[in-house]
Amino acid sequence: MEKNENNRIFRISFHAHARLSIYFTTVAVISIVYLTFALSSLYKSKAKDDSRWENWQHYNDPESVQLIEERSVNATPVTVGTYFENIREMNIKNSTFRVELVVWFKWKGDPDLDMANHIRVYRGTINKYNIVEEYVNGDEHYQRAQMDVTVNEGFDTTRFPLGSYALKVYIEPTYSIDRVKFIADEQSDMNEAYDLPGYTLMRYDTGIHNIIYDTNYGDPEMEGKKAANTEHLTRIEITREGFGTYAKCFIALIGTLTWIFIVMYINTYHKVDPLGMIPAALFGTVTNITVGASMLPDTLGLGLLEFVNMWGVMTIIAGTVTVINVNRIRNKWDDKKYASLFGRVMLLEILFFTLLGHIVMPLMAWRH
């Protein structure tokens, strides 16, 4: 009789230890794989931003340079400069930004040119436009205008709410390339005291793009050719200056996760069955997701916002399974000591990976 009881205790102990080993390993493997994927995605997003910034002149490839040179043999070189004054608005959800800048044009010859009244902003709407200075000094022509423009920009939201954003304003002449060719003025600059709360300036640059279109707009004189032009680019990159927006997006999730760890704690140390308390955590997570989603465009890929929220859901699931296992070991096998051990081990492991994820993911996304 005593031997059978010993065998029963051994089997229970074996199954309990096996259950703990399997669950512990499963949580560790899933956590490591998930964090590796998330961190890799966030790192690639930052690397892509750097690559775009450094290689923006890929538009000026040898073929386009040759084509522009051939088409602009008789064109008037016009020096274009800009002064980036202020960012009036940045709307990530609507994929737009609004800026104020000064633009000027200088050229020699061709008195019939009127550059200040023959420009457009690519993917932009000019809200206000005032010519503030223009004169002719011998053969030299000068025009300067103040511009308020709203630009549509497809922001990369992979690292939202800690991402960096490139704001680009392309100014293109409405004259054809055989009439006008843009040249960048090295005196272009920006007002570093621009006013956009919550963001800080990372870098600024200007330059000229060669544009080869896929159409000739049905122009009979361009039969068999593609339209081409030059355009002046002004660009800045801004980044979040702190974690205020991040805290706003995830404050409900922090409360939810705190609740889950309280549930696991009282289940392990006070021998209480708290499964009925878990639905409140799920409700808190759903509420948290809507906060960040309301600040982003409807079409959205996976990014920091989704990674952190899914990490929270995984923590809730892991905590729920832990409580179920502790209850089963305690009630079915009547092993309160081992049930407490199971709960303590899993509580510490889940806490470790939860904190790790909530530290490394935002740090990988934030550019400072």
Protein backbone atom coordinates (compact mmCIF):
# COMPACT_ATOMS: atom_id res chain seq x y z
CA MET A 1 0.00 0.00 0.00
CA GLU A 2 2.80 2.34 0.93
CA LYS A 3 4.63 1.44 -2.29
CA ASN A 4 1.60 2.33 -4.42
CA GLU A 5 1.29 5.66 -2.64
CA ASN A 6 4.97 6.38 -3.24
CA ASN A 7 4.52 5.51 -6.92
CA ARG A 8 1.52 7.84 -7.15
CA ILE A 9 3.47 10.69 -5.54
CA PHE A 10 6.38 10.03 -7.90
CA ARG A 11 4.12 10.14 -10.97
CA ILE A 12 2.49 13.35 -9.80
CA SER A 13 5.87 14.93 -9.11
CA PHE A 14 7.21 13.81 -12.49
CA HIS A 15 4.23 15.19 -14.40
CA ALA A 16 4.34 18.43 -12.44
CA HIS A 17 8.04 18.95 -13.11
CA ALA A 18 7.54 18.06 -16.78
CA ARG A 19 4.67 20.53 -17.00
CA LEU A 20 6.81 23.28 -15.49
CA SER A 21 9.79 22.52 -17.75
CA ILE A 22 7.67 22.48 -20.90
CA TYR A 23 5.78 25.65 -20.03
CA PHE A 24 8.92 27.49 -18.93
CA THR A 25 10.70 26.56 -22.17
CA THR A 26 7.68 27.43 -24.33
CA VAL A 27 7.37 30.90 -22.82
CA ALA A 28 11.11 31.53 -23.25
CA VAL A 29 11.21 30.37 -26.89
CA ILE A 30 8.09 32.30 -27.94
CA SER A 31 9.34 35.44 -26.18
CA ILE A 32 12.79 35.29 -27.77
CA VAL A 33 11.43 34.60 -31.26
CA TYR A 34 8.83 37.38 -30.98
CA LEU A 35 11.27 39.97 -29.65
CA THR A 36 13.82 39.06 -32.33
CA PHE A 37 11.21 39.63 -35.04
CA ALA A 38 9.96 42.91 -33.52
CA LEU A 39 13.44 44.34 -32.92
CA SER A 40 14.56 43.33 -36.41
CA SER A 41 11.57 45.13 -37.96
CA LEU A 42 12.18 48.29 -35.94
CA TYR A 43 15.89 48.29 -36.74
CA LYS A 44 15.21 47.86 -40.47
CA SER A 45 12.81 50.81 -40.34
CA LYS A 46 15.54 53.06 -38.88
CA ALA A 47 18.10 51.76 -41.36
CA LYS A 48 15.69 52.44 -44.25
CA ASP A 49 15.23 56.04 -43.09
CA ASP A 50 19.01 56.53 -43.03
CA SER A 51 19.38 54.94 -46.45
CA ARG A 52 16.68 57.17 -47.96
CA TRP A 53 18.30 60.26 -46.50
CA GLU A 54 21.82 59.40 -47.58
CA ASN A 55 20.90 58.14 -51.07
CA TRP A 56 18.25 60.67 -52.04
CA GLN A 57 20.30 61.60 -55.11
CA HIS A 58 19.67 58.18 -56.64
CA TYR A 59 17.18 60.07 -58.84
CA ASN A 60 20.16 61.79 -60.43
CA ASP A 61 21.47 58.61 -62.06
CA PRO A 62 23.78 58.89 -65.10
CA GLU A 63 20.92 58.24 -67.53
CA SER A 64 18.73 61.04 -66.15
CA VAL A 65 21.70 63.42 -65.94
CA GLN A 66 22.51 62.81 -69.60
CA LEU A 67 18.88 63.24 -70.65
CA ILE A 68 18.52 66.50 -68.69
CA GLU A 69 21.77 67.84 -70.17
CA GLU A 70 20.58 67.05 -73.71
CA ARG A 71 17.15 68.61 -73.20
CA SER A 72 18.42 71.73 -71.37
CA VAL A 73 21.09 72.86 -73.83
CA ASN A 74 19.23 76.10 -74.52
CA ALA A 75 17.55 76.41 -71.09
CA THR A 76 18.12 79.32 -68.73
CA PRO A 77 19.88 78.25 -65.51
CA VAL A 78 17.79 79.49 -62.57
CA THR A 79 19.33 79.45 -59.10
CA VAL A 80 16.71 78.43 -56.51
CA GLY A 81 16.99 78.77 -52.74
CA THR A 82 14.68 78.32 -49.77
CA TYR A 83 14.51 79.38 -46.15
CA PHE A 84 12.49 76.91 -44.07
CA GLU A 85 10.72 79.14 -41.53
CA ASN A 86 8.22 77.07 -39.57
CA ILE A 87 6.18 73.88 -39.34
CA ARG A 88 2.62 74.98 -38.72
CA GLU A 89 1.06 71.54 -38.52
CA MET A 90 1.91 67.87 -38.77
CA ASN A 91 -0.97 65.39 -39.06
CA ILE A 92 0.21 61.79 -39.12
CA LYS A 93 -3.33 60.38 -39.28
CA ASN A 94 -4.17 62.42 -42.41
CA SER A 95 -0.65 62.01 -43.85
CA THR A 96 -0.11 65.76 -44.28
CA PHE A 97 2.11 68.52 -42.97
CA ARG A 98 1.92 72.30 -43.35
CA VAL A 99 4.98 74.53 -43.48
CA GLU A 100 5.99 78.12 -44.12
CA LEU A 101 9.05 78.88 -46.20
CA VAL A 102 10.64 81.59 -48.31
CA VAL A 103 11.67 80.76 -51.88
CA TRP A 104 13.78 82.87 -54.23
CA PHE A 105 14.90 82.72 -57.86
CA LYS A 106 17.91 84.30 -59.60
CA TRP A 107 18.80 84.15 -63.28
CA LYS A 108 20.51 86.09 -66.03
CA GLY A 109 18.99 86.80 -69.41
CA ASP A 110 15.53 85.80 -70.69
CA PRO A 111 13.54 88.84 -69.47
CA ASP A 112 10.27 87.05 -70.27
CA LEU A 113 10.72 84.52 -67.46
CA ASP A 114 8.44 84.98 -64.45
CA MET A 115 9.63 82.22 -62.13
CA ALA A 116 7.73 83.30 -59.01
CA ASN A 117 4.42 82.81 -60.85
CA HIS A 118 5.38 79.62 -62.68
CA ILE A 119 6.02 77.00 -60.03
CA ARG A 120 4.10 74.18 -58.40
CA VAL A 121 4.64 72.06 -55.29
CA TYR A 122 4.66 68.33 -55.88
CA ARG A 123 1.80 66.66 -53.98
CA GLY A 124 1.14 69.97 -52.29
CA THR A 125 -1.46 72.72 -52.04
CA ILE A 126 -0.30 76.33 -51.80
CA ASN A 127 -2.45 77.98 -49.13
CA LYS A 128 -0.84 81.43 -49.27
CA TYR A 129 1.69 82.87 -51.67
CA ASN A 130 3.04 86.43 -51.63
CA ILE A 131 5.78 87.86 -53.81
CA VAL A 132 7.67 90.17 -51.47
CA GLU A 133 10.63 91.26 -53.62
CA GLU A 134 11.49 91.36 -57.31
CA TYR A 135 13.85 93.50 -59.37
CA VAL A 136 16.03 93.57 -62.45
CA ASN A 137 19.61 94.78 -62.20
CA GLY A 138 21.02 94.93 -65.68
CA ASP A 139 20.87 91.37 -66.95
CA GLU A 140 20.24 89.87 -63.51
CA HIS A 141 16.71 89.01 -62.35
CA TYR A 142 15.65 88.32 -58.76
CA GLN A 143 12.31 87.26 -57.23
CA ARG A 144 11.47 86.24 -53.65
CA ALA A 145 8.15 84.95 -52.28
CA GLN A 146 6.69 83.72 -49.00
CA MET A 147 4.87 80.43 -49.19
CA ASP A 148 2.44 78.56 -46.93
CA VAL A 149 1.95 75.06 -48.27
CA THR A 150 0.27 71.82 -47.22
CA VAL A 151 1.97 68.67 -48.50
CA ASN A 152 0.68 65.10 -48.64
CA GLU A 153 3.34 62.78 -47.26
CA GLY A 154 3.14 59.03 -46.71
CA PHE A 155 4.74 58.90 -43.27
CA ASP A 156 6.40 55.68 -42.17
CA THR A 157 4.53 54.78 -38.96
CA THR A 158 6.50 51.60 -38.19
CA ARG A 159 8.12 53.21 -35.15
CA PHE A 160 5.16 55.36 -34.04
CA PRO A 161 4.91 56.92 -31.48
CA LEU A 162 8.71 57.19 -31.26
CA GLY A 163 9.50 57.51 -34.95
CA SER A 164 11.31 60.14 -36.98
CA TYR A 165 9.75 61.79 -40.02
CA ALA A 166 11.20 63.38 -43.14
CA LEU A 167 9.27 66.45 -44.35
CA LYS A 168 9.99 67.16 -48.03
CA VAL A 169 8.90 70.10 -50.16
CA TYR A 170 9.51 69.73 -53.92
CA ILE A 171 9.27 72.96 -55.96
CA GLU A 172 9.06 72.43 -59.71
CA PRO A 173 8.86 74.98 -62.55
CA THR A 174 5.84 74.85 -64.81
CA TYR A 175 8.22 75.78 -67.64
CA SER A 176 9.63 72.82 -69.57
CA ILE A 177 13.24 71.69 -69.27
CA ASP A 178 14.15 73.29 -72.61
CA ARG A 179 13.21 76.68 -71.07
CA VAL A 180 14.37 76.46 -67.42
CA LYS A 181 16.89 74.37 -65.52
CA PHE A 182 17.08 74.64 -61.73
CA ILE A 183 20.35 74.99 -59.80
CA ALA A 184 20.46 74.79 -55.99
CA ASP A 185 21.51 77.90 -54.08
CA GLU A 186 24.02 77.02 -51.36
CA GLN A 187 22.68 79.91 -49.26
CA SER A 188 19.50 77.97 -48.48
CA ASP A 189 18.94 77.57 -44.75
CA MET A 190 16.30 76.96 -42.09
CA ASN A 191 15.05 78.51 -38.89
CA GLU A 192 16.15 76.11 -36.15
CA ALA A 193 13.78 77.87 -33.75
CA TYR A 194 10.77 76.46 -35.62
CA ASP A 195 7.76 75.75 -33.41
CA LEU A 196 6.51 72.16 -33.38
CA PRO A 197 5.93 70.95 -29.79
CA GLY A 198 7.04 67.40 -29.05
CA TYR A 199 9.63 67.17 -31.84
CA THR A 200 13.28 68.04 -32.24
CA LEU A 201 15.27 68.71 -35.43
CA MET A 202 17.64 65.98 -36.60
CA ARG A 203 18.92 67.18 -39.96
CA TYR A 204 18.26 69.53 -42.87
CA ASP A 205 19.28 69.55 -46.52
CA THR A 206 18.43 70.94 -49.97
CA GLY A 207 19.24 69.82 -53.48
CA ILE A 208 18.09 69.34 -57.07
CA HIS A 209 16.24 66.31 -58.44
CA ASN A 210 16.17 65.29 -62.07
CA ILE A 211 12.67 64.09 -62.93
CA ILE A 212 11.90 61.84 -65.89
CA TYR A 213 8.16 61.30 -66.25
CA ASP A 214 6.47 58.23 -67.72
CA THR A 215 4.39 60.39 -70.04
CA ASN A 216 4.70 63.25 -72.51
CA TYR A 217 1.17 64.49 -71.73
CA GLY A 218 0.16 63.85 -75.32
CA ASP A 219 2.35 66.71 -76.59
CA PRO A 220 2.73 66.26 -80.39
CA GLU A 221 6.15 67.97 -80.29
CA MET A 222 7.41 65.30 -77.86
CA GLU A 223 6.37 62.29 -79.90
CA GLY A 224 8.41 59.27 -78.73
CA LYS A 225 9.91 61.19 -75.80
CA LYS A 226 9.18 61.45 -72.10
CA ALA A 227 8.64 64.70 -70.23
CA ALA A 228 11.58 65.76 -68.06
CA ASN A 229 12.32 68.52 -65.59
CA THR A 230 14.37 69.60 -62.58
CA GLU A 231 12.93 70.35 -59.15
CA HIS A 232 14.27 71.88 -55.96
CA LEU A 233 13.98 69.79 -52.81
CA THR A 234 13.94 71.17 -49.26
CA ARG A 235 13.83 68.51 -46.58
CA ILE A 236 14.17 68.20 -42.83
CA GLU A 237 13.95 65.22 -40.51
CA ILE A 238 12.37 65.56 -37.08
CA THR A 239 12.07 63.06 -34.24
CA ARG A 240 10.18 62.74 -30.97
CA GLU A 241 12.01 64.57 -28.20
CA GLY A 242 10.65 62.40 -25.37
CA PHE A 243 8.34 59.58 -24.32
CA GLY A 244 5.23 61.66 -23.60
CA THR A 245 3.19 60.40 -26.56
CA TYR A 246 4.45 56.86 -25.95
CA ALA A 247 3.17 57.00 -22.36
CA LYS A 248 -0.18 58.33 -23.57
CA CYS A 249 -0.53 55.43 -26.00
CA PHE A 250 0.33 52.71 -23.48
CA ILE A 251 -0.75 54.00 -20.06
CA ALA A 252 -3.84 51.75 -20.09
CA LEU A 253 -1.70 48.76 -21.07
CA ILE A 254 0.67 49.40 -18.16
CA GLY A 255 -2.29 49.32 -15.79
CA THR A 256 -3.57 46.13 -17.40
CA LEU A 257 -0.24 44.33 -17.06
CA THR A 258 0.06 45.44 -13.44
CA TRP A 259 -3.35 43.87 -12.87
CA ILE A 260 -2.22 40.58 -14.42
CA PHE A 261 0.83 40.35 -12.19
CA ILE A 262 -1.34 41.05 -9.14
CA VAL A 263 -3.57 38.18 -10.27
CA MET A 264 -0.60 35.80 -10.55
CA TYR A 265 0.79 36.99 -7.21
CA ILE A 266 -2.36 36.37 -5.19
CA ASN A 267 -2.87 33.05 -6.96
CA THR A 268 0.64 31.91 -6.02
CA TYR A 269 1.11 33.33 -2.55
CA HIS A 270 -2.43 33.57 -1.21
CA LYS A 271 -3.92 30.44 -2.79
CA VAL A 272 -6.80 32.32 -4.38
CA ASP A 273 -8.41 31.43 -7.73
CA PRO A 274 -8.53 34.83 -9.54
CA LEU A 275 -9.55 33.70 -13.06
CA GLY A 276 -12.66 35.84 -12.84
CA MET A 277 -10.44 38.93 -12.63
CA ILE A 278 -8.71 38.35 -15.99
CA PRO A 279 -11.49 39.60 -18.34
CA ALA A 280 -10.96 43.09 -16.91
CA ALA A 281 -7.35 42.96 -18.14
CA LEU A 282 -8.46 42.01 -21.64
CA PHE A 283 -10.91 44.91 -21.66
CA GLY A 284 -8.11 47.27 -20.62
CA THR A 285 -5.90 46.01 -23.45
CA VAL A 286 -8.59 46.57 -26.08
CA THR A 287 -9.16 50.08 -24.73
CA ASN A 288 -5.43 50.78 -24.94
CA ILE A 289 -5.21 49.64 -28.57
CA THR A 290 -7.88 52.14 -29.65
CA VAL A 291 -5.90 55.06 -28.19
CA GLY A 292 -2.91 54.61 -30.49
CA ALA A 293 -4.99 53.48 -33.48
CA SER A 294 -7.00 56.72 -33.37
CA MET A 295 -3.80 58.70 -34.04
CA LEU A 296 -2.75 56.76 -37.16
CA PRO A 297 -3.99 56.29 -40.75
CA ASP A 298 -6.46 53.45 -41.30
CA THR A 299 -4.05 51.62 -43.61
CA LEU A 300 -1.32 50.50 -41.27
CA GLY A 301 1.29 47.76 -41.26
CA LEU A 302 2.90 46.14 -38.25
CA GLY A 303 4.96 48.48 -36.12
CA LEU A 304 5.89 49.45 -32.59
CA LEU A 305 2.26 50.17 -31.65
CA GLU A 306 1.17 46.67 -32.66
CA PHE A 307 4.27 44.97 -31.30
CA VAL A 308 3.82 46.45 -27.81
CA ASN A 309 0.08 45.79 -27.71
CA MET A 310 0.51 42.19 -28.90
CA TRP A 311 3.25 41.79 -26.30
CA GLY A 312 0.70 42.85 -23.71
CA VAL A 313 -1.85 40.33 -25.00
CA MET A 314 0.78 37.59 -24.87
CA THR A 315 1.55 38.53 -21.26
CA ILE A 316 -2.15 38.22 -20.37
CA ILE A 317 -2.35 34.81 -22.07
CA ALA A 318 0.81 33.60 -20.31
CA GLY A 319 -0.50 34.81 -16.96
CA THR A 320 -3.87 33.12 -17.53
CA VAL A 321 -2.27 29.79 -18.42
CA THR A 322 -0.05 30.08 -15.34
CA VAL A 323 -3.08 30.56 -13.06
CA ILE A 324 -4.85 27.59 -14.67
CA ASN A 325 -1.81 25.36 -14.13
CA VAL A 326 -1.35 26.45 -10.53
CA ASN A 327 -5.03 25.74 -9.82
CA ARG A 328 -4.81 22.33 -11.46
CA ILE A 329 -1.70 21.29 -9.53
CA ARG A 330 -3.17 22.57 -6.27
CA ASN A 331 -6.69 21.11 -6.66
CA LYS A 332 -6.38 17.97 -8.79
CA TRP A 333 -3.04 16.70 -7.48
CA ASP A 334 -3.39 18.24 -4.03
CA ASP A 335 0.21 19.48 -4.12
CA LYS A 336 0.11 22.98 -2.65
CA LYS A 337 3.87 23.20 -2.22
CA TYR A 338 4.65 22.44 -5.84
CA ALA A 339 1.79 24.64 -7.02
CA SER A 340 3.42 27.57 -5.25
CA LEU A 341 6.79 26.70 -6.79
CA PHE A 342 5.22 26.58 -10.27
CA GLY A 343 3.57 29.95 -9.72
CA ARG A 344 6.74 31.61 -8.39
CA VAL A 345 8.93 30.37 -11.23
CA MET A 346 6.49 31.42 -13.96
CA LEU A 347 5.73 34.73 -12.29
CA LEU A 348 9.42 35.63 -12.32
CA GLU A 349 9.96 34.43 -15.89
CA ILE A 350 6.95 36.25 -17.30
CA LEU A 351 7.88 39.40 -15.36
CA PHE A 352 11.43 39.23 -16.72
CA PHE A 353 10.41 38.89 -20.37
CA THR A 354 7.62 41.47 -20.02
CA LEU A 355 9.98 44.10 -18.66
CA LEU A 356 12.64 43.16 -21.20
CA GLY A 357 10.23 43.64 -24.11
CA HIS A 358 8.91 46.96 -22.83
CA ILE A 359 12.47 48.26 -22.49
CA VAL A 360 14.16 47.06 -25.67
CA MET A 361 11.33 47.68 -28.15
CA PRO A 362 10.92 51.43 -27.52
CA LEU A 363 14.68 51.89 -27.25
CA MET A 364 15.14 50.24 -30.65
CA ALA A 365 12.45 52.45 -32.18
CA TRP A 366 13.55 55.78 -30.69
CA ARG A 367 16.07 57.87 -32.59
CA HIS A 368 17.78 60.46 -30.42
